[in-house]
C-alpha atoms as a PDB file:
ATOM      1  CA  MET A   1      30.724  31.499  24.433  1.00  0.00           C
ATOM      2  CA  ALA A   2      29.964  28.223  22.663  1.00  0.00           C
ATOM      3  CA  LYS A   3      27.513  28.238  19.766  1.00  0.00           C
ATOM      4  CA  PHE A   4      25.128  25.392  18.959  1.00  0.00           C
ATOM      5  CA  CYS A   5      23.004  24.583  15.935  1.00  0.00           C
ATOM      6  CA  ILE A   6      19.359  25.480  16.617  1.00  0.00           C
ATOM      7  CA  HIS A   7      18.215  22.456  14.582  1.00  0.00           C
ATOM      8  CA  CYS A   8      20.373  19.520  15.717  1.00  0.00           C
ATOM      9  CA  GLY A   9      22.234  20.893  18.751  1.00  0.00           C
ATOM     10  CA  LYS A  10      25.706  20.331  17.307  1.00  0.00           C
ATOM     11  CA  GLN A  11      28.424  22.558  18.810  1.00  0.00           C
ATOM     12  CA  LEU A  12      29.790  24.972  16.195  1.00  0.00           C
ATOM     13  CA  ASN A  13      33.061  26.820  15.866  1.00  0.00           C
ATOM     14  CA  GLU A  14      33.133  30.581  15.328  1.00  0.00           C
ATOM     15  CA  GLY A  15      31.628  31.339  11.924  1.00  0.00           C
ATOM     16  CA  GLU A  16      30.811  27.679  11.201  1.00  0.00           C
ATOM     17  CA  VAL A  17      27.473  26.858   9.560  1.00  0.00           C
ATOM     18  CA  CYS A  18      25.902  23.515  10.387  1.00  0.00           C
ATOM     19  CA  SER A  19      25.245  21.214   7.441  1.00  0.00           C
ATOM     20  CA  CYS A  20      22.363  19.284   9.044  1.00  0.00           C
ATOM     21  CA  GLN A  21      19.628  21.074   7.080  1.00  0.00           C
ATOM     22  CA  ALA A  22      21.499  20.536   3.825  1.00  0.00           C
ATOM     23  CA  ASN A  23      21.573  16.821   4.626  1.00  0.00           C
ATOM     24  CA  VAL A  24      17.838  16.815   5.348  1.00  0.00           C
ATOM     25  CA  GLN A  25      17.151  18.598   2.066  1.00  0.00           C
ATOM     26  CA  GLY A  26      19.373  16.121   0.223  1.00  0.00           C
ATOM     27  CA  GLN A  27      17.521  13.186   1.761  1.00  0.00           C
ATOM     28  CA  SER A  28      14.164  14.715   0.796  1.00  0.00           C
ATOM     29  CA  GLU A  29      15.307  15.231  -2.785  1.00  0.00           C
ATOM     30  CA  SER A  30      16.644  11.672  -2.897  1.00  0.00           C
ATOM     31  CA  LEU A  31      13.335  10.321  -1.562  1.00  0.00           C
ATOM     32  CA  GLY A  32      11.402  12.291  -4.163  1.00  0.00           C
ATOM     33  CA  THR A  33      13.633  11.015  -6.956  1.00  0.00           C
ATOM     34  CA  SER A  34      13.256   7.426  -5.738  1.00  0.00           C
ATOM     35  CA  PHE A  35       9.471   7.825  -5.622  1.00  0.00           C
ATOM     36  CA  VAL A  36       9.346   8.941  -9.259  1.00  0.00           C
ATOM     37  CA  ASP A  37      11.797   6.200 -10.298  1.00  0.00           C
ATOM     38  CA  VAL A  38       9.665   3.499  -8.634  1.00  0.00           C
ATOM     39  CA  ILE A  39       6.436   4.698 -10.286  1.00  0.00           C
ATOM     40  CA  LYS A  40       8.121   4.769 -13.682  1.00  0.00           C
ATOM     41  CA  GLY A  41      10.138   1.606 -13.120  1.00  0.00           C
ATOM     42  CA  MET A  42       7.145  -0.561 -12.184  1.00  0.00           C
ATOM     43  CA  PHE A  43       5.793   0.000 -15.700  1.00  0.00           C
ATOM     44  CA  VAL A  44       9.058  -0.003 -17.660  1.00  0.00           C
ATOM     45  CA  LYS A  45      11.271  -2.497 -15.780  1.00  0.00           C
ATOM     46  CA  PRO A  46       9.190  -3.941 -12.918  1.00  0.00           C
ATOM     47  CA  VAL A  47      11.463  -6.860 -11.986  1.00  0.00           C
ATOM     48  CA  ASP A  48      14.600  -4.688 -11.938  1.00  0.00           C
ATOM     49  CA  THR A  49      12.756  -2.028  -9.913  1.00  0.00           C
ATOM     50  CA  ILE A  50      11.655  -4.593  -7.329  1.00  0.00           C
ATOM     51  CA  LYS A  51      15.243  -5.845  -6.979  1.00  0.00           C
ATOM     52  CA  THR A  52      16.630  -2.317  -6.641  1.00  0.00           C
ATOM     53  CA  TYR A  53      14.193  -1.026  -4.039  1.00  0.00           C
ATOM     54  CA  SER A  54      13.641  -4.173  -1.940  1.00  0.00           C
ATOM     55  CA  ASN A  55      16.112  -3.302   0.803  1.00  0.00           C
ATOM     56  CA  ASP A  56      16.303  -1.708   4.244  1.00  0.00           C
ATOM     57  CA  LYS A  57      17.364   1.761   3.094  1.00  0.00           C
ATOM     58  CA  HIS A  58      14.109   2.215   1.166  1.00  0.00           C
ATOM     59  CA  PHE A  59      11.885   1.533   4.181  1.00  0.00           C
ATOM     60  CA  SER A  60      10.806   5.207   4.341  1.00  0.00           C
ATOM     61  CA  LEU A  61       9.847   5.130   0.679  1.00  0.00           C
ATOM     62  CA  ALA A  62       7.814   1.966   1.320  1.00  0.00           C
ATOM     63  CA  LEU A  63       5.946   3.733   4.132  1.00  0.00           C
ATOM     64  CA  ILE A  64       4.955   6.509   1.722  1.00  0.00           C
ATOM     65  CA  LEU A  65       3.937   4.072  -1.019  1.00  0.00           C
ATOM     66  CA  LEU A  66       1.857   1.955   1.352  1.00  0.00           C
ATOM     67  CA  GLY A  67       0.317   5.078   2.874  1.00  0.00           C
ATOM     68  CA  ILE A  68      -0.828   6.070  -0.611  1.00  0.00           C
ATOM     69  CA  PHE A  69      -2.014   2.494  -1.167  1.00  0.00           C
ATOM     70  CA  SER A  70      -4.168   2.703   1.984  1.00  0.00           C
ATOM     71  CA  VAL A  71      -5.738   5.977   0.860  1.00  0.00           C
ATOM     72  CA  VAL A  72      -6.463   4.570  -2.610  1.00  0.00           C
ATOM     73  CA  ILE A  73      -8.093   1.476  -1.084  1.00  0.00           C
ATOM     74  CA  SER A  74     -10.377   3.748   0.949  1.00  0.00           C
ATOM     75  CA  LEU A  75     -11.278   5.766  -2.153  1.00  0.00           C
ATOM     76  CA  PHE A  76     -12.070   2.560  -4.041  1.00  0.00           C
ATOM     77  CA  VAL A  77     -14.403   1.416  -1.269  1.00  0.00           C
ATOM     78  CA  LEU A  78     -16.133   4.817  -1.282  1.00  0.00           C
ATOM     79  CA  SER A  79     -16.567   4.580  -5.040  1.00  0.00           C
ATOM     80  CA  PHE A  80     -18.022   1.089  -4.698  1.00  0.00           C
ATOM     81  CA  VAL A  81     -20.435   2.167  -1.936  1.00  0.00           C
ATOM     82  CA  LYS A  82     -21.505   5.233  -3.938  1.00  0.00           C
ATOM     83  CA  ASN A  83     -22.273   3.080  -6.976  1.00  0.00           C
ATOM     84  CA  LEU A  84     -24.236   0.588  -4.886  1.00  0.00           C
ATOM     85  CA  SER A  85     -26.191   3.494  -3.433  1.00  0.00           C
ATOM     86  CA  ASP A  86     -26.944   4.842  -6.906  1.00  0.00           C
ATOM     87  CA  VAL A  87     -28.102   1.414  -8.082  1.00  0.00           C
ATOM     88  CA  ALA A  88     -30.321   1.015  -5.005  1.00  0.00           C
ATOM     89  CA  THR A  89     -31.924   4.441  -5.342  1.00  0.00           C
ATOM     90  CA  SER A  90     -32.476   4.058  -9.103  1.00  0.00           C
ATOM     91  CA  SER A  91     -34.399   0.854  -8.442  1.00  0.00           C
ATOM     92  CA  MET A  92     -36.874   2.702  -6.197  1.00  0.00           C
ATOM     93  CA  GLY A  93     -39.288   3.491  -8.993  1.00  0.00           C
ATOM     94  CA  GLY A  94     -42.138   4.969  -6.958  1.00  0.00           C
ATOM     95  CA  ILE A  95     -40.075   6.959  -4.491  1.00  0.00           C
ATOM     96  CA  SER A  96     -39.555  10.687  -4.914  1.00  0.00           C
ATOM     97  CA  LEU A  97     -36.193  12.231  -5.829  1.00  0.00           C
ATOM     98  CA  TYR A  98     -36.198  14.010  -2.475  1.00  0.00           C
ATOM     99  CA  THR A  99     -36.432  10.702  -0.612  1.00  0.00           C
ATOM    100  CA  MET A 100     -33.688   9.183  -2.769  1.00  0.00           C
ATOM    101  CA  GLY A 101     -31.424  12.125  -2.058  1.00  0.00           C
ATOM    102  CA  ALA A 102     -32.104  11.847   1.660  1.00  0.00           C
ATOM    103  CA  VAL A 103     -31.176   8.167   1.624  1.00  0.00           C
ATOM    104  CA  ALA A 104     -27.936   8.907  -0.240  1.00  0.00           C
ATOM    105  CA  THR A 105     -26.915  11.690   2.152  1.00  0.00           C
ATOM    106  CA  GLN A 106     -27.396   9.382   5.150  1.00  0.00           C
ATOM    107  CA  ILE A 107     -24.432   7.246   4.071  1.00  0.00           C
ATOM    108  CA  PRO A 108     -21.485   8.193   6.347  1.00  0.00           C
ATOM    109  CA  TYR A 109     -18.862   8.541   3.593  1.00  0.00           C
ATOM    110  CA  LEU A 110     -16.313  10.261   5.805  1.00  0.00           C
ATOM    111  CA  LYS A 111     -16.591   7.585   8.485  1.00  0.00           C
ATOM    112  CA  ILE A 112     -16.322   4.822   5.882  1.00  0.00           C
ATOM    113  CA  PHE A 113     -13.183   6.448   4.466  1.00  0.00           C
ATOM    114  CA  PHE A 114     -11.358   6.684   7.797  1.00  0.00           C
ATOM    115  CA  VAL A 115     -12.426   3.209   8.949  1.00  0.00           C
ATOM    116  CA  CYS A 116     -11.178   1.727   5.671  1.00  0.00           C
ATOM    117  CA  LEU A 117      -7.955   3.705   5.987  1.00  0.00           C
ATOM    118  CA  VAL A 118      -7.230   2.344   9.474  1.00  0.00           C
ATOM    119  CA  VAL A 119      -8.193  -1.213   8.500  1.00  0.00           C
ATOM    120  CA  ALA A 120      -6.029  -1.041   5.357  1.00  0.00           C
ATOM    121  CA  VAL A 121      -2.986   0.092   7.360  1.00  0.00           C
ATOM    122  CA  ILE A 122      -3.501  -2.670   9.933  1.00  0.00           C
ATOM    123  CA  PHE A 123      -3.915  -5.374   7.293  1.00  0.00           C
ATOM    124  CA  ILE A 124      -0.834  -4.168   5.385  1.00  0.00           C
ATOM    125  CA  PHE A 125       1.304  -4.596   8.492  1.00  0.00           C
ATOM    126  CA  VAL A 126      -0.364  -7.931   9.242  1.00  0.00           C
ATOM    127  CA  TYR A 127       0.348  -9.301   5.762  1.00  0.00           C
ATOM    128  CA  THR A 128       3.949  -8.068   5.670  1.00  0.00           C
ATOM    129  CA  GLY A 129       4.452  -9.426   9.193  1.00  0.00           C
ATOM    130  CA  LEU A 130       3.163 -12.843   8.148  1.00  0.00           C
ATOM    131  CA  LEU A 131       5.324 -12.789   5.010  1.00  0.00           C
ATOM    132  CA  TYR A 132       8.338 -11.928   7.164  1.00  0.00           C
ATOM    133  CA  LEU A 133       7.619 -14.745   9.615  1.00  0.00           C
ATOM    134  CA  VAL A 134       7.015 -17.361   6.917  1.00  0.00           C
ATOM    135  CA  ASN A 135      10.079 -16.305   4.958  1.00  0.00           C
ATOM    136  CA  SER A 136      12.514 -15.915   7.854  1.00  0.00           C
ATOM    137  CA  VAL A 137      11.279 -18.427  10.446  1.00  0.00           C
ATOM    138  CA  ILE A 138       9.924 -21.309   8.368  1.00  0.00           C
ATOM    139  CA  PHE A 139      12.161 -21.024   5.304  1.00  0.00           C
ATOM    140  CA  LYS A 140      15.213 -19.383   6.955  1.00  0.00           C
ATOM    141  CA  GLY A 141      15.288 -16.415   4.594  1.00  0.00           C
ATOM    142  CA  ASP A 142      16.219 -12.776   5.157  1.00  0.00           C
ATOM    143  CA  LYS A 143      15.851 -11.662   8.793  1.00  0.00           C
ATOM    144  CA  SER A 144      15.027  -8.025   8.029  1.00  0.00           C
ATOM    145  CA  PHE A 145      11.383  -6.979   8.347  1.00  0.00           C
ATOM    146  CA  LYS A 146      12.241  -3.650   6.695  1.00  0.00           C
ATOM    147  CA  LYS A 147      13.373  -5.459   3.550  1.00  0.00           C
ATOM    148  CA  VAL A 148      10.125  -7.435   3.368  1.00  0.00           C
ATOM    149  CA  PHE A 149       8.144  -4.237   3.971  1.00  0.00           C
ATOM    150  CA  ALA A 150      10.109  -2.382   1.281  1.00  0.00           C
ATOM    151  CA  MET A 151       9.454  -5.163  -1.229  1.00  0.00           C
ATOM    152  CA  TYR A 152       5.727  -5.084  -0.507  1.00  0.00           C
ATOM    153  CA  GLY A 153       5.720  -1.283  -0.722  1.00  0.00           C
ATOM    154  CA  VAL A 154       7.276  -1.274  -4.186  1.00  0.00           C
ATOM    155  CA  ASN A 155       4.790  -3.911  -5.351  1.00  0.00           C
ATOM    156  CA  SER A 156       1.843  -1.825  -4.126  1.00  0.00           C
ATOM    157  CA  VAL A 157       2.389   0.703  -6.933  1.00  0.00           C
ATOM    158  CA  ILE A 158       0.631  -1.357  -9.613  1.00  0.00           C
ATOM    159  CA  LEU A 159      -2.346  -2.172  -7.400  1.00  0.00           C
ATOM    160  CA  SER A 160      -2.618   1.447  -6.198  1.00  0.00           C
ATOM    161  CA  ILE A 161      -2.835   2.732  -9.758  1.00  0.00           C
ATOM    162  CA  SER A 162      -5.244  -0.062 -10.732  1.00  0.00           C
ATOM    163  CA  LEU A 163      -7.525   0.774  -7.804  1.00  0.00           C
ATOM    164  CA  LEU A 164      -7.404   4.482  -8.608  1.00  0.00           C
ATOM    165  CA  VAL A 165      -8.303   3.891 -12.260  1.00  0.00           C
ATOM    166  CA  ALA A 166     -10.970   1.374 -11.226  1.00  0.00           C
ATOM    167  CA  SER A 167     -12.493   3.910  -8.812  1.00  0.00           C
ATOM    168  CA  ILE A 168     -12.870   6.399 -11.663  1.00  0.00           C
ATOM    169  CA  PHE A 169     -14.298   3.895 -14.126  1.00  0.00           C
ATOM    170  CA  MET A 170     -16.777   2.642 -11.519  1.00  0.00           C
ATOM    171  CA  PHE A 171     -18.775   5.816 -12.182  1.00  0.00           C
ATOM    172  CA  VAL A 172     -18.892   4.927 -15.885  1.00  0.00           C
ATOM    173  CA  ASN A 173     -19.409   1.186 -15.660  1.00  0.00           C
ATOM    174  CA  VAL A 174     -19.234  -0.877 -12.456  1.00  0.00           C
ATOM    175  CA  VAL A 175     -18.270  -4.077 -14.283  1.00  0.00           C
ATOM    176  CA  LEU A 176     -15.415  -2.319 -16.077  1.00  0.00           C
ATOM    177  CA  GLY A 177     -14.142  -0.953 -12.775  1.00  0.00           C
ATOM    178  CA  VAL A 178     -14.190  -4.410 -11.194  1.00  0.00           C
ATOM    179  CA  VAL A 179     -12.370  -5.901 -14.210  1.00  0.00           C
ATOM    180  CA  ILE A 180      -9.605  -3.276 -13.939  1.00  0.00           C
ATOM    181  CA  PHE A 181      -9.278  -4.041 -10.242  1.00  0.00           C
ATOM    182  CA  LEU A 182      -9.019  -7.790 -10.890  1.00  0.00           C
ATOM    183  CA  LEU A 183      -6.400  -7.334 -13.617  1.00  0.00           C
ATOM    184  CA  GLY A 184      -4.340  -5.137 -11.300  1.00  0.00           C
ATOM    185  CA  SER A 185      -4.652  -7.732  -8.531  1.00  0.00           C
ATOM    186  CA  VAL A 186      -3.400 -10.514 -10.810  1.00  0.00           C
ATOM    187  CA  LEU A 187      -0.415  -8.434 -11.907  1.00  0.00           C
ATOM    188  CA  ASN A 188       0.293  -7.485  -8.291  1.00  0.00           C
ATOM    189  CA  THR A 189       0.282 -11.178  -7.338  1.00  0.00           C
ATOM    190  CA  VAL A 190       2.831 -11.949 -10.054  1.00  0.00           C
ATOM    191  CA  TYR A 191       5.110  -9.147  -8.884  1.00  0.00           C
ATOM    192  CA  ILE A 192       4.887 -10.165  -5.223  1.00  0.00           C
ATOM    193  CA  PHE A 193       5.964 -13.648  -6.249  1.00  0.00           C
ATOM    194  CA  LYS A 194       8.922 -12.123  -8.110  1.00  0.00           C
ATOM    195  CA  GLY A 195       9.682  -9.983  -5.065  1.00  0.00           C
ATOM    196  CA  ILE A 196       9.899 -13.046  -2.829  1.00  0.00           C
ATOM    197  CA  GLU A 197      12.913 -14.089  -4.899  1.00  0.00           C
ATOM    198  CA  ASN A 198      14.821 -11.206  -3.270  1.00  0.00           C
ATOM    199  CA  LEU A 199      14.109 -12.221   0.335  1.00  0.00           C
ATOM    200  CA  GLY A 200      17.056 -14.535   0.894  1.00  0.00           C
ATOM    201  CA  VAL A 201      15.643 -17.990   0.159  1.00  0.00           C
ATOM    202  CA  THR A 202      17.942 -19.245  -2.614  1.00  0.00           C
ATOM    203  CA  ASP A 203      15.949 -22.391  -3.387  1.00  0.00           C
ATOM    204  CA  GLU A 204      13.475 -21.243  -6.052  1.00  0.00           C
ATOM    205  CA  ASN A 205      11.320 -24.317  -5.405  1.00  0.00           C
ATOM    206  CA  LYS A 206      10.325 -22.824  -2.033  1.00  0.00           C
ATOM    207  CA  HIS A 207       9.202 -19.404  -3.276  1.00  0.00           C
ATOM    208  CA  GLY A 208       5.746 -20.619  -4.222  1.00  0.00           C
ATOM    209  CA  TYR A 209       5.266 -22.175  -0.793  1.00  0.00           C
ATOM    210  CA  ILE A 210       6.301 -18.925   0.905  1.00  0.00           C
ATOM    211  CA  TYR A 211       3.602 -17.055  -0.994  1.00  0.00           C
ATOM    212  CA  LEU A 212       1.040 -19.829  -0.522  1.00  0.00           C
ATOM    213  CA  LEU A 213       1.543 -20.179   3.241  1.00  0.00           C
ATOM    214  CA  THR A 214       1.519 -16.424   3.766  1.00  0.00           C
ATOM    215  CA  THR A 215      -1.730 -16.108   1.828  1.00  0.00           C
ATOM    216  CA  VAL A 216      -3.326 -19.054   3.653  1.00  0.00           C
ATOM    217  CA  PHE A 217      -2.354 -17.712   7.096  1.00  0.00           C
ATOM    218  CA  TYR A 218      -3.632 -14.280   6.073  1.00  0.00           C
ATOM    219  CA  GLY A 219      -6.926 -15.746   4.858  1.00  0.00           C
ATOM    220  CA  VAL A 220      -7.390 -17.755   8.051  1.00  0.00           C
ATOM    221  CA  LEU A 221      -6.701 -14.652  10.133  1.00  0.00           C
ATOM    222  CA  LEU A 222      -9.227 -12.609   8.138  1.00  0.00           C
ATOM    223  CA  PHE A 223     -11.819 -15.353   8.571  1.00  0.00           C
ATOM    224  CA  ILE A 224     -11.253 -15.447  12.338  1.00  0.00           C
ATOM    225  CA  LEU A 225     -11.470 -11.663  12.621  1.00  0.00           C
ATOM    226  CA  SER A 226     -14.627 -11.510  10.481  1.00  0.00           C
ATOM    227  CA  PHE A 227     -16.182 -14.238  12.631  1.00  0.00           C
ATOM    228  CA  ILE A 228     -15.290 -12.393  15.854  1.00  0.00           C
ATOM    229  CA  PHE A 229     -16.611  -9.009  14.701  1.00  0.00           C
ATOM    230  CA  SER A 230     -19.620 -10.262  12.748  1.00  0.00           C
END
């Protein structure tokens, strides 16, 4: 009677053990190692790290990195809203502490978090999609969306950490938190520009236009969406 692997369905000979689970474990370990290497590399050798991990085979890693990025964005927004709430309630000089607490508890933090999470994921795919179209269609660069997505995922590390640190410092000093966020954004912009160099357009004179057009199209799209839903 024929034997089959209960995990992958492969037919096995008598006494044979399927190697599919060993392969899965190996892939998981490899993904974990790559994750650590990217986090470390973006601080030690950012340009080399971007070159190494901006390819199709690291698409899964990019999904994880951008998933973390989306969560961190949501946490940053919550931190910002909480600080605005604290500022607003502290300015209510004649209102009781009970009333202030009631106002603070009415803020739907959980709803804000999940809405921001969904919006962040959508906008990440929108931006990477626009970058792919501008790079591949207009400037005849690399035709792989996964490569563009992987590049953007690697670059999100710096901004994710900046947003996380900024979220913490917002509770100490709002201005300091905003400054950390802005510094992280500037550094992220520089690294995205360096990442565009790996997307198949050999003429370096065009890299700035790829970034500019992508950003302009993205801004126009955000303006249209904000106008529609306002």
